[in-house]
PDB file of all heavy atoms in Angstrom:
ATOM      1  N   LYS A   1       0.829  -1.227   0.042  1.00  0.00           N
ATOM      2  CA  LYS A   1      -0.016   0.002  -0.036  1.00  0.00           C
ATOM      3  C   LYS A   1       0.897   1.256  -0.031  1.00  0.00           C
ATOM      4  O   LYS A   1       0.467   2.299   0.467  1.00  0.00           O
ATOM      5  CB  LYS A   1      -0.884  -0.041   1.224  1.00  0.00           C
ATOM      6  CG  LYS A   1      -1.783  -1.198   1.410  1.00  0.00           C
ATOM      7  CD  LYS A   1      -2.790  -1.241   0.330  1.00  0.00           C
ATOM      8  CE  LYS A   1      -3.747  -2.487   0.671  1.00  0.00           C
ATOM      9  NZ  LYS A   1      -4.431  -2.896  -0.499  1.00  0.00           N
ATOM     10  N   CYS A   2       2.075   1.158  -0.561  1.00  0.00           N
ATOM     11  CA  CYS A   2       2.969   2.251  -0.563  1.00  0.00           C
ATOM     12  C   CYS A   2       3.002   3.085  -1.860  1.00  0.00           C
ATOM     13  O   CYS A   2       2.829   2.525  -2.889  1.00  0.00           O
ATOM     14  CB  CYS A   2       4.376   1.864  -0.239  1.00  0.00           C
ATOM     15  SG  CYS A   2       4.484   0.775   1.347  1.00  0.00           S
ATOM     16  N   SER A   3       3.407   4.247  -1.754  1.00  0.00           N
ATOM     17  CA  SER A   3       3.675   5.135  -3.023  1.00  0.00           C
ATOM     18  C   SER A   3       5.135   4.857  -3.324  1.00  0.00           C
ATOM     19  O   SER A   3       6.001   4.793  -2.407  1.00  0.00           O
ATOM     20  CB  SER A   3       3.444   6.560  -2.666  1.00  0.00           C
ATOM     21  OG  SER A   3       1.980   6.746  -2.471  1.00  0.00           O
ATOM     22  N   VAL A   4       5.432   4.773  -4.644  1.00  0.00           N
ATOM     23  CA  VAL A   4       6.686   4.487  -5.129  1.00  0.00           C
ATOM     24  C   VAL A   4       7.099   5.507  -6.216  1.00  0.00           C
ATOM     25  O   VAL A   4       6.298   5.930  -6.965  1.00  0.00           O
ATOM     26  CB  VAL A   4       6.849   3.077  -5.600  1.00  0.00           C
ATOM     27  CG1 VAL A   4       6.748   2.076  -4.445  1.00  0.00           C
ATOM     28  CG2 VAL A   4       5.850   2.745  -6.722  1.00  0.00           C
ATOM     29  N   LEU A   5       8.463   5.798  -6.244  1.00  0.00           N
ATOM     30  CA  LEU A   5       8.999   6.609  -7.229  1.00  0.00           C
ATOM     31  C   LEU A   5       9.235   5.796  -8.592  1.00  0.00           C
ATOM     32  O   LEU A   5       9.962   4.852  -8.506  1.00  0.00           O
ATOM     33  CB  LEU A   5      10.256   7.279  -6.759  1.00  0.00           C
ATOM     34  CG  LEU A   5      10.991   8.197  -7.748  1.00  0.00           C
ATOM     35  CD1 LEU A   5      10.260   9.493  -7.954  1.00  0.00           C
ATOM     36  CD2 LEU A   5      12.421   8.547  -7.337  1.00  0.00           C
ATOM     37  N   LEU A   6       8.491   6.237  -9.591  1.00  0.00           N
ATOM     38  CA  LEU A   6       8.712   5.415 -10.829  1.00  0.00           C
ATOM     39  C   LEU A   6       9.938   6.000 -11.590  1.00  0.00           C
ATOM     40  O   LEU A   6      10.710   5.236 -12.103  1.00  0.00           O
ATOM     41  CB  LEU A   6       7.448   5.468 -11.707  1.00  0.00           C
ATOM     42  CG  LEU A   6       6.261   4.949 -11.123  1.00  0.00           C
ATOM     43  CD1 LEU A   6       5.042   5.117 -12.048  1.00  0.00           C
ATOM     44  CD2 LEU A   6       6.450   3.401 -10.771  1.00  0.00           C
ATOM     45  N   ALA A   7      10.047   7.336 -11.735  1.00  0.00           N
ATOM     46  CA  ALA A   7      11.111   7.946 -12.430  1.00  0.00           C
ATOM     47  C   ALA A   7      11.244   9.372 -12.060  1.00  0.00           C
ATOM     48  O   ALA A   7      10.270  10.038 -11.729  1.00  0.00           O
ATOM     49  CB  ALA A   7      10.913   7.891 -13.958  1.00  0.00           C
ATOM     50  N   LYS A   8      12.501   9.853 -12.025  1.00  0.00           N
ATOM     51  CA  LYS A   8      12.755  11.208 -11.625  1.00  0.00           C
ATOM     52  C   LYS A   8      14.115  11.658 -12.172  1.00  0.00           C
ATOM     53  O   LYS A   8      15.130  10.828 -12.314  1.00  0.00           O
ATOM     54  CB  LYS A   8      12.957  11.294 -10.014  1.00  0.00           C
ATOM     55  CG  LYS A   8      13.322  12.714  -9.615  1.00  0.00           C
ATOM     56  CD  LYS A   8      13.269  12.857  -8.080  1.00  0.00           C
ATOM     57  CE  LYS A   8      13.758  14.206  -7.594  1.00  0.00           C
ATOM     58  NZ  LYS A   8      12.911  15.298  -8.025  1.00  0.00           N
ATOM     59  N   ASP A   9      14.195  12.756 -12.636  1.00  0.00           N
ATOM     60  CA  ASP A   9      15.439  13.378 -13.160  1.00  0.00           C
ATOM     61  C   ASP A   9      16.196  13.962 -11.966  1.00  0.00           C
ATOM     62  O   ASP A   9      15.768  14.948 -11.347  1.00  0.00           O
ATOM     63  CB  ASP A   9      15.158  14.561 -14.126  1.00  0.00           C
ATOM     64  CG  ASP A   9      16.377  15.347 -14.550  1.00  0.00           C
ATOM     65  OD1 ASP A   9      17.422  15.168 -14.078  1.00  0.00           O
ATOM     66  OD2 ASP A   9      16.227  16.074 -15.544  1.00  0.00           O
ATOM     67  N   PHE A  10      17.267  13.271 -11.565  1.00  0.00           N
ATOM     68  CA  PHE A  10      18.014  13.617 -10.325  1.00  0.00           C
ATOM     69  C   PHE A  10      19.078  14.685 -10.572  1.00  0.00           C
ATOM     70  O   PHE A  10      19.681  15.109  -9.616  1.00  0.00           O
ATOM     71  CB  PHE A  10      18.594  12.393  -9.722  1.00  0.00           C
ATOM     72  CG  PHE A  10      17.686  11.575  -8.959  1.00  0.00           C
ATOM     73  CD1 PHE A  10      17.055  10.432  -9.653  1.00  0.00           C
ATOM     74  CD2 PHE A  10      17.270  11.827  -7.664  1.00  0.00           C
ATOM     75  CE1 PHE A  10      16.122   9.674  -8.879  1.00  0.00           C
ATOM     76  CE2 PHE A  10      16.270  11.048  -6.995  1.00  0.00           C
ATOM     77  CZ  PHE A  10      15.753  10.030  -7.657  1.00  0.00           C
ATOM     78  N   VAL A  11      19.239  15.098 -11.820  1.00  0.00           N
ATOM     79  CA  VAL A  11      20.334  16.181 -12.042  1.00  0.00           C
ATOM     80  C   VAL A  11      19.643  17.494 -12.389  1.00  0.00           C
ATOM     81  O   VAL A  11      19.945  18.538 -11.685  1.00  0.00           O
ATOM     82  CB  VAL A  11      21.112  15.792 -13.301  1.00  0.00           C
ATOM     83  CG1 VAL A  11      22.097  16.858 -13.734  1.00  0.00           C
ATOM     84  CG2 VAL A  11      21.930  14.461 -13.052  1.00  0.00           C
ATOM     85  N   HIS A  12      18.692  17.629 -13.237  1.00  0.00           N
ATOM     86  CA  HIS A  12      17.976  18.899 -13.516  1.00  0.00           C
ATOM     87  C   HIS A  12      16.651  18.997 -12.998  1.00  0.00           C
ATOM     88  O   HIS A  12      15.975  20.078 -13.110  1.00  0.00           O
ATOM     89  CB  HIS A  12      17.932  19.090 -15.040  1.00  0.00           C
ATOM     90  CG  HIS A  12      19.208  18.807 -15.781  1.00  0.00           C
ATOM     91  ND1 HIS A  12      20.349  19.695 -15.610  1.00  0.00           N
ATOM     92  CD2 HIS A  12      19.670  17.938 -16.626  1.00  0.00           C
ATOM     93  CE1 HIS A  12      21.362  19.262 -16.312  1.00  0.00           C
ATOM     94  NE2 HIS A  12      20.878  18.235 -17.040  1.00  0.00           N
ATOM     95  N   ASN A  13      16.142  18.005 -12.305  1.00  0.00           N
ATOM     96  CA  ASN A  13      14.792  17.975 -11.717  1.00  0.00           C
ATOM     97  C   ASN A  13      13.688  18.400 -12.721  1.00  0.00           C
ATOM     98  O   ASN A  13      12.849  19.089 -12.389  1.00  0.00           O
ATOM     99  CB  ASN A  13      14.745  18.967 -10.525  1.00  0.00           C
ATOM    100  CG  ASN A  13      13.628  18.619  -9.562  1.00  0.00           C
ATOM    101  OD1 ASN A  13      13.102  17.439  -9.553  1.00  0.00           O
ATOM    102  ND2 ASN A  13      13.255  19.577  -8.813  1.00  0.00           N
ATOM    103  N   ALA A  14      13.867  17.895 -13.908  1.00  0.00           N
ATOM    104  CA  ALA A  14      12.885  18.239 -15.005  1.00  0.00           C
ATOM    105  C   ALA A  14      11.562  17.556 -14.968  1.00  0.00           C
ATOM    106  O   ALA A  14      10.524  18.026 -15.370  1.00  0.00           O
ATOM    107  CB  ALA A  14      13.500  17.910 -16.355  1.00  0.00           C
ATOM    108  N   PHE A  15      11.537  16.387 -14.192  1.00  0.00           N
ATOM    109  CA  PHE A  15      10.309  15.700 -14.020  1.00  0.00           C
ATOM    110  C   PHE A  15      10.323  14.687 -12.818  1.00  0.00           C
ATOM    111  O   PHE A  15      11.402  14.291 -12.441  1.00  0.00           O
ATOM    112  CB  PHE A  15       9.958  14.884 -15.331  1.00  0.00           C
ATOM    113  CG  PHE A  15      10.886  13.762 -15.501  1.00  0.00           C
ATOM    114  CD1 PHE A  15      10.531  12.511 -14.934  1.00  0.00           C
ATOM    115  CD2 PHE A  15      12.019  13.912 -16.174  1.00  0.00           C
ATOM    116  CE1 PHE A  15      11.344  11.286 -15.240  1.00  0.00           C
ATOM    117  CE2 PHE A  15      12.909  12.813 -16.326  1.00  0.00           C
ATOM    118  CZ  PHE A  15      12.593  11.620 -15.894  1.00  0.00           C
ATOM    119  N   THR A  16       9.187  14.378 -12.343  1.00  0.00           N
ATOM    120  CA  THR A  16       9.028  13.359 -11.333  1.00  0.00           C
ATOM    121  C   THR A  16       7.754  12.550 -11.593  1.00  0.00           C
ATOM    122  O   THR A  16       6.823  13.215 -11.846  1.00  0.00           O
ATOM    123  CB  THR A  16       8.953  13.964  -9.900  1.00  0.00           C
ATOM    124  OG1 THR A  16      10.081  14.680  -9.657  1.00  0.00           O
ATOM    125  CG2 THR A  16       8.876  12.866  -8.768  1.00  0.00           C
ATOM    126  N   VAL A  17       7.768  11.237 -11.538  1.00  0.00           N
ATOM    127  CA  VAL A  17       6.585  10.437 -11.766  1.00  0.00           C
ATOM    128  C   VAL A  17       6.506   9.524 -10.560  1.00  0.00           C
ATOM    129  O   VAL A  17       7.366   8.682 -10.345  1.00  0.00           O
ATOM    130  CB  VAL A  17       6.649   9.600 -13.090  1.00  0.00           C
ATOM    131  CG1 VAL A  17       5.334   8.908 -13.229  1.00  0.00           C
ATOM    132  CG2 VAL A  17       6.784  10.567 -14.175  1.00  0.00           C
ATOM    133  N   ILE A  18       5.373   9.608  -9.837  1.00  0.00           N
ATOM    134  CA  ILE A  18       5.167   8.693  -8.649  1.00  0.00           C
ATOM    135  C   ILE A  18       3.845   7.945  -8.704  1.00  0.00           C
ATOM    136  O   ILE A  18       2.851   8.570  -9.215  1.00  0.00           O
ATOM    137  CB  ILE A  18       5.199   9.561  -7.292  1.00  0.00           C
ATOM    138  CG1 ILE A  18       6.515  10.258  -7.100  1.00  0.00           C
ATOM    139  CG2 ILE A  18       4.733   8.792  -6.143  1.00  0.00           C
ATOM    140  CD1 ILE A  18       6.569  11.309  -5.985  1.00  0.00           C
ATOM    141  N   LEU A  19       3.871   6.716  -8.478  1.00  0.00           N
ATOM    142  CA  LEU A  19       2.670   5.906  -8.317  1.00  0.00           C
ATOM    143  C   LEU A  19       2.195   5.999  -6.912  1.00  0.00           C
ATOM    144  O   LEU A  19       2.878   5.408  -5.960  1.00  0.00           O
ATOM    145  CB  LEU A  19       2.852   4.409  -8.761  1.00  0.00           C
ATOM    146  CG  LEU A  19       1.650   3.563  -8.807  1.00  0.00           C
ATOM    147  CD1 LEU A  19       0.712   4.033  -9.822  1.00  0.00           C
ATOM    148  CD2 LEU A  19       2.190   2.162  -9.146  1.00  0.00           C
ATOM    149  N   ASN A  20       1.068   6.651  -6.650  1.00  0.00           N
ATOM    150  CA  ASN A  20       0.596   6.893  -5.276  1.00  0.00           C
ATOM    151  C   ASN A  20      -0.391   5.787  -4.921  1.00  0.00           C
ATOM    152  O   ASN A  20      -1.331   5.447  -5.678  1.00  0.00           O
ATOM    153  CB  ASN A  20      -0.142   8.286  -5.170  1.00  0.00           C
ATOM    154  CG  ASN A  20       0.827   9.332  -4.888  1.00  0.00           C
ATOM    155  OD1 ASN A  20       1.826   9.096  -4.243  1.00  0.00           O
ATOM    156  ND2 ASN A  20       0.565  10.519  -5.489  1.00  0.00           N
ATOM    157  N   ALA A  21      -0.306   5.366  -3.677  1.00  0.00           N
ATOM    158  CA  ALA A  21      -1.339   4.452  -3.129  1.00  0.00           C
ATOM    159  C   ALA A  21      -2.369   5.312  -2.588  1.00  0.00           C
ATOM    160  O   ALA A  21      -2.221   6.294  -1.833  1.00  0.00           O
ATOM    161  CB  ALA A  21      -0.660   3.593  -2.044  1.00  0.00           C
ATOM    162  N   GLU A  22      -3.615   4.952  -2.988  1.00  0.00           N
ATOM    163  CA  GLU A  22      -4.763   5.785  -2.512  1.00  0.00           C
ATOM    164  C   GLU A  22      -5.643   4.826  -1.631  1.00  0.00           C
ATOM    165  O   GLU A  22      -5.364   3.579  -1.455  1.00  0.00           O
ATOM    166  CB  GLU A  22      -5.712   6.259  -3.647  1.00  0.00           C
ATOM    167  CG  GLU A  22      -4.924   7.126  -4.597  1.00  0.00           C
ATOM    168  CD  GLU A  22      -4.618   8.522  -4.010  1.00  0.00           C
ATOM    169  OE1 GLU A  22      -5.305   8.899  -3.104  1.00  0.00           O
ATOM    170  OE2 GLU A  22      -3.742   9.159  -4.577  1.00  0.00           O
ATOM    171  N   THR A  23      -6.614   5.419  -1.007  1.00  0.00           N
ATOM    172  CA  THR A  23      -7.572   4.509  -0.264  1.00  0.00           C
ATOM    173  C   THR A  23      -8.363   3.632  -1.087  1.00  0.00           C
ATOM    174  O   THR A  23      -8.379   3.896  -2.301  1.00  0.00           O
ATOM    175  CB  THR A  23      -8.521   5.375   0.638  1.00  0.00           C
ATOM    176  OG1 THR A  23      -9.129   6.301  -0.218  1.00  0.00           O
ATOM    177  CG2 THR A  23      -7.715   6.203   1.651  1.00  0.00           C
ATOM    178  N   SER A  24      -9.002   2.685  -0.629  1.00  0.00           N
ATOM    179  CA  SER A  24      -9.888   1.730  -1.376  1.00  0.00           C
ATOM    180  C   SER A  24      -9.124   1.029  -2.482  1.00  0.00           C
ATOM    181  O   SER A  24      -9.652   0.736  -3.516  1.00  0.00           O
ATOM    182  CB  SER A  24     -11.127   2.406  -1.935  1.00  0.00           C
ATOM    183  OG  SER A  24     -10.795   3.328  -2.930  1.00  0.00           O
ATOM    184  N   ASN A  25      -7.855   0.610  -2.131  1.00  0.00           N
ATOM    185  CA  ASN A  25      -7.071  -0.232  -3.048  1.00  0.00           C
ATOM    186  C   ASN A  25      -6.941   0.285  -4.464  1.00  0.00           C
ATOM    187  O   ASN A  25      -6.804  -0.447  -5.365  1.00  0.00           O
ATOM    188  CB  ASN A  25      -7.585  -1.711  -3.033  1.00  0.00           C
ATOM    189  CG  ASN A  25      -7.389  -2.303  -1.729  1.00  0.00           C
ATOM    190  OD1 ASN A  25      -6.499  -2.046  -1.027  1.00  0.00           O
ATOM    191  ND2 ASN A  25      -8.361  -3.209  -1.393  1.00  0.00           N
ATOM    192  N   SER A  26      -6.968   1.601  -4.667  1.00  0.00           N
ATOM    193  CA  SER A  26      -6.718   2.207  -5.982  1.00  0.00           C
ATOM    194  C   SER A  26      -5.371   2.993  -5.897  1.00  0.00           C
ATOM    195  O   SER A  26      -4.765   3.159  -4.958  1.00  0.00           O
ATOM    196  CB  SER A  26      -7.893   3.126  -6.346  1.00  0.00           C
ATOM    197  OG  SER A  26      -7.908   4.172  -5.635  1.00  0.00           O
ATOM    198  N   ARG A  27      -4.860   3.379  -7.168  1.00  0.00           N
ATOM    199  CA  ARG A  27      -3.687   4.070  -7.219  1.00  0.00           C
ATOM    200  C   ARG A  27      -3.894   5.356  -8.090  1.00  0.00           C
ATOM    201  O   ARG A  27      -4.808   5.312  -8.860  1.00  0.00           O
ATOM    202  CB  ARG A  27      -2.622   3.213  -7.858  1.00  0.00           C
ATOM    203  CG  ARG A  27      -2.224   2.029  -6.944  1.00  0.00           C
ATOM    204  CD  ARG A  27      -0.945   1.386  -7.480  1.00  0.00           C
ATOM    205  NE  ARG A  27      -0.543   0.311  -6.607  1.00  0.00           N
ATOM    206  CZ  ARG A  27       0.374   0.370  -5.508  1.00  0.00           C
ATOM    207  NH1 ARG A  27       0.822   1.555  -5.275  1.00  0.00           N
ATOM    208  NH2 ARG A  27       0.634  -0.717  -4.898  1.00  0.00           N
ATOM    209  N   SER A  28      -3.068   6.316  -7.930  1.00  0.00           N
ATOM    210  CA  SER A  28      -3.062   7.445  -8.787  1.00  0.00           C
ATOM    211  C   SER A  28      -1.693   7.680  -9.239  1.00  0.00           C
ATOM    212  O   SER A  28      -0.682   7.260  -8.710  1.00  0.00           O
ATOM    213  CB  SER A  28      -3.627   8.705  -8.037  1.00  0.00           C
ATOM    214  OG  SER A  28      -2.711   9.062  -7.015  1.00  0.00           O
ATOM    215  N   LEU A  29      -1.605   8.494 -10.252  1.00  0.00           N
ATOM    216  CA  LEU A  29      -0.250   8.807 -10.922  1.00  0.00           C
ATOM    217  C   LEU A  29       0.087  10.315 -10.613  1.00  0.00           C
ATOM    218  O   LEU A  29      -0.788  11.091 -11.001  1.00  0.00           O
ATOM    219  CB  LEU A  29      -0.229   8.479 -12.368  1.00  0.00           C
ATOM    220  CG  LEU A  29       1.058   8.278 -13.032  1.00  0.00           C
ATOM    221  CD1 LEU A  29       1.782   7.124 -12.409  1.00  0.00           C
ATOM    222  CD2 LEU A  29       0.876   8.023 -14.507  1.00  0.00           C
ATOM    223  N   TYR A  30       1.109  10.577 -10.055  1.00  0.00           N
ATOM    224  CA  TYR A  30       1.542  11.980  -9.715  1.00  0.00           C
ATOM    225  C   TYR A  30       2.644  12.302 -10.702  1.00  0.00           C
ATOM    226  O   TYR A  30       3.686  11.658 -10.701  1.00  0.00           O
ATOM    227  CB  TYR A  30       2.092  12.102  -8.293  1.00  0.00           C
ATOM    228  CG  TYR A  30       2.787  13.310  -7.869  1.00  0.00           C
ATOM    229  CD1 TYR A  30       2.030  14.272  -7.179  1.00  0.00           C
ATOM    230  CD2 TYR A  30       4.130  13.522  -8.081  1.00  0.00           C
ATOM    231  CE1 TYR A  30       2.726  15.411  -6.675  1.00  0.00           C
ATOM    232  CE2 TYR A  30       4.804  14.613  -7.727  1.00  0.00           C
ATOM    233  CZ  TYR A  30       4.045  15.492  -7.013  1.00  0.00           C
ATOM    234  OH  TYR A  30       4.695  16.744  -6.621  1.00  0.00           O
ATOM    235  N   VAL A  31       2.446  13.371 -11.512  1.00  0.00           N
ATOM    236  CA  VAL A  31       3.404  13.728 -12.521  1.00  0.00           C
ATOM    237  C   VAL A  31       3.784  15.221 -12.251  1.00  0.00           C
ATOM    238  O   VAL A  31       2.870  16.142 -12.151  1.00  0.00           O
ATOM    239  CB  VAL A  31       2.796  13.680 -13.968  1.00  0.00           C
ATOM    240  CG1 VAL A  31       3.869  14.079 -14.959  1.00  0.00           C
ATOM    241  CG2 VAL A  31       2.312  12.286 -14.180  1.00  0.00           C
ATOM    242  N   GLU A  32       5.028  15.569 -11.988  1.00  0.00           N
ATOM    243  CA  GLU A  32       5.438  16.873 -11.688  1.00  0.00           C
ATOM    244  C   GLU A  32       6.378  17.335 -12.871  1.00  0.00           C
ATOM    245  O   GLU A  32       7.332  16.668 -13.177  1.00  0.00           O
ATOM    246  CB  GLU A  32       6.199  16.926 -10.447  1.00  0.00           C
ATOM    247  CG  GLU A  32       6.722  18.324 -10.027  1.00  0.00           C
ATOM    248  CD  GLU A  32       7.529  18.319  -8.677  1.00  0.00           C
ATOM    249  OE1 GLU A  32       7.038  17.555  -7.834  1.00  0.00           O
ATOM    250  OE2 GLU A  32       8.467  19.096  -8.667  1.00  0.00           O
TER     251      GLU A  32
END
């Protein structure tokens, strides 16, 4: 039930993509 980091630019911080754990066994995608 954890949120995990799928991909991130660790040099220029151009993007971050996280798979978030939500309530009721669903997930959301966080894109920055």
